[in-house]
Protein backbone atom coordinates (compact mmCIF):
# COMPACT_ATOMS: atom_id res chain seq x y z
CA MET A 1 -0.16 0.16 -0.16
CA PHE A 2 2.64 2.20 0.61
CA ARG A 3 4.49 1.88 -2.70
CA ARG A 4 1.16 2.36 -4.48
CA THR A 5 0.77 5.70 -2.29
CA PHE A 6 4.30 6.63 -3.56
CA TRP A 7 3.99 6.59 -6.85
CA PHE A 8 1.14 7.76 -7.19
CA THR A 9 2.37 11.00 -5.21
CA ALA A 10 4.93 11.27 -7.84
CA GLY A 11 2.57 10.93 -10.58
CA ALA A 12 0.98 13.60 -9.54
CA ALA A 13 4.04 15.84 -8.58
CA ALA A 14 5.41 15.32 -11.92
CA GLY A 15 1.76 16.26 -13.81
CA VAL A 16 1.89 19.19 -11.56
CA TRP A 17 5.39 20.11 -12.95
CA ALA A 18 4.52 19.26 -16.39
CA THR A 19 1.25 21.74 -16.69
CA ALA A 20 3.24 24.24 -14.49
CA LYS A 21 6.33 24.62 -17.51
CA VAL A 22 3.64 23.82 -20.28
CA ASN A 23 1.39 27.10 -18.81
CA ARG A 24 5.02 28.67 -19.24
CA LYS A 25 5.96 28.11 -22.21
CA LEU A 26 2.93 29.00 -24.11
CA LYS A 27 2.97 32.20 -22.10
CA GLN A 28 6.22 32.69 -23.45
CA LEU A 29 4.47 32.01 -26.89
CA THR A 30 1.87 34.66 -27.02
CA PRO A 31 2.52 37.22 -29.79
CA GLU A 32 2.31 40.25 -27.21
CA SER A 33 5.36 38.46 -25.15
CA LEU A 34 7.06 38.02 -28.50
CA ALA A 35 6.29 41.45 -29.46
CA ALA A 36 8.08 42.57 -26.28
CA GLN A 37 11.00 40.01 -26.36
CA ALA A 38 11.89 41.15 -29.79
CA ALA A 39 11.19 45.13 -28.61
CA ASP A 40 13.93 44.23 -25.73
CA LYS A 41 16.56 42.82 -28.11
CA ALA A 42 16.50 45.64 -30.75
CA ILE A 43 16.87 47.81 -27.35
CA GLU A 44 19.88 45.95 -26.06
CA THR A 45 20.87 45.67 -30.34
CA GLY A 46 20.87 49.90 -30.71
CA HIS A 47 22.85 50.14 -27.11
CA ARG A 48 25.57 47.90 -28.37
CA LEU A 49 25.69 49.63 -31.89
CA LYS A 50 26.24 52.84 -30.04
CA ASP A 51 28.69 51.47 -27.81
CA PHE A 52 30.66 50.18 -30.59
CA ALA A 53 30.28 53.59 -32.76
CA LEU A 54 31.43 55.78 -29.63
CA ASP A 55 34.29 53.03 -29.25
CA VAL A 56 35.59 53.89 -32.87
CA ARG A 57 35.05 57.06 -32.84
CA GLU A 58 37.35 57.26 -29.62
CA GLY A 59 40.20 54.98 -31.67
CA MET A 60 39.90 57.59 -34.22
CA ALA A 61 40.76 60.43 -32.14
CA ARG A 62 43.39 58.40 -30.58
CA ARG A 63 44.99 57.05 -33.53
CA GLU A 64 45.02 60.90 -35.11
CA ALA A 65 46.46 62.19 -32.14
CA GLU A 66 49.01 59.66 -32.36
CA LEU A 67 49.55 60.37 -36.48
CA GLY A 68 49.53 64.51 -35.13
CA ASP A 69 52.76 63.52 -32.60
CA ALA A 70 54.20 61.81 -35.44
CA LEU A 71 54.07 64.38 -37.93
CA GLY A 72 54.67 67.48 -36.06
CA LEU A 73 50.77 68.64 -36.26
CA GLU A 74 50.30 70.77 -33.46
CA ALA A 75 46.47 71.24 -34.22
CA PRO A 76 44.68 70.62 -31.04
CA VAL A 77 41.71 67.71 -31.97
CA ASP A 78 37.98 68.95 -31.01
CA GLN A 79 35.83 65.94 -30.00
CA ASP A 80 32.48 68.08 -30.99
CA LEU A 81 33.01 69.18 -34.50
CA PRO A 82 33.00 66.43 -37.44
CA VAL A 83 36.45 65.80 -39.63
CA GLN A 84 37.04 68.16 -42.83
CA ARG A 85 37.85 66.84 -45.55
CA HIS A 86 40.55 68.52 -48.11
CA ARG A 87 40.58 68.34 -51.51
CA ALA A 88 43.44 66.99 -53.77
CA VAL A 89 42.45 69.42 -56.15
CA GLU A 90 43.47 73.16 -56.21
CA ALA A 91 40.55 75.46 -55.95
CA GLY A 92 42.34 77.60 -59.06
CA GLY A 93 42.03 74.53 -61.40
CA PRO A 94 39.89 74.48 -64.71
CA PRO A 95 35.75 73.98 -63.82
CA ALA A 96 34.69 70.68 -63.62
CA ARG A 97 32.46 69.74 -66.49
CA PRO A 98 29.28 68.02 -65.61
CA ALA A 99 28.77 64.65 -65.85
CA TYR A 100 25.29 64.82 -67.42
CA ARG A 101 24.95 65.22 -70.95
CA THR A 102 22.13 68.46 -72.13
CA LEU A 103 20.11 68.38 -74.83
CA PRO A 104 19.43 70.81 -77.47
CA SER A 105 16.42 73.33 -76.88
CA ASN A 106 15.28 71.86 -79.88
CA SER A 107 15.19 68.72 -79.36
CA ASN A 108 12.64 66.22 -81.28
CA ASN A 109 11.76 64.45 -77.88
CA ARG A 110 8.36 62.31 -78.66
CA ASN A 111 7.28 61.72 -75.40
CA GLU A 112 6.58 65.41 -74.48
CA ASP A 113 3.52 66.62 -74.97
CA HIS A 114 2.11 68.26 -77.54
């Protein structure tokens, strides 16, 4: 009799445990829960990308300072200003030609309204 009571209690406990585990998993798979999990992952990814960008910017500023010291440049680096790029061609050169072809004013364009 004691053996039957033991196995009955063990089976009931296993059933309660399995039911609780299934219900917990079902709550995790509801649309609201999935949306909240996706939003949390998106926010976490955004924070990681921001941290990465800040690390890259800090490394760039450090390397720029190292190169400035190596080249003998004494200009201070302002962290708030964007980096200004210089053109390789002097400003006094010939004017640049447009990259597109202009059509003559009396073109025979058949697609225009008449």
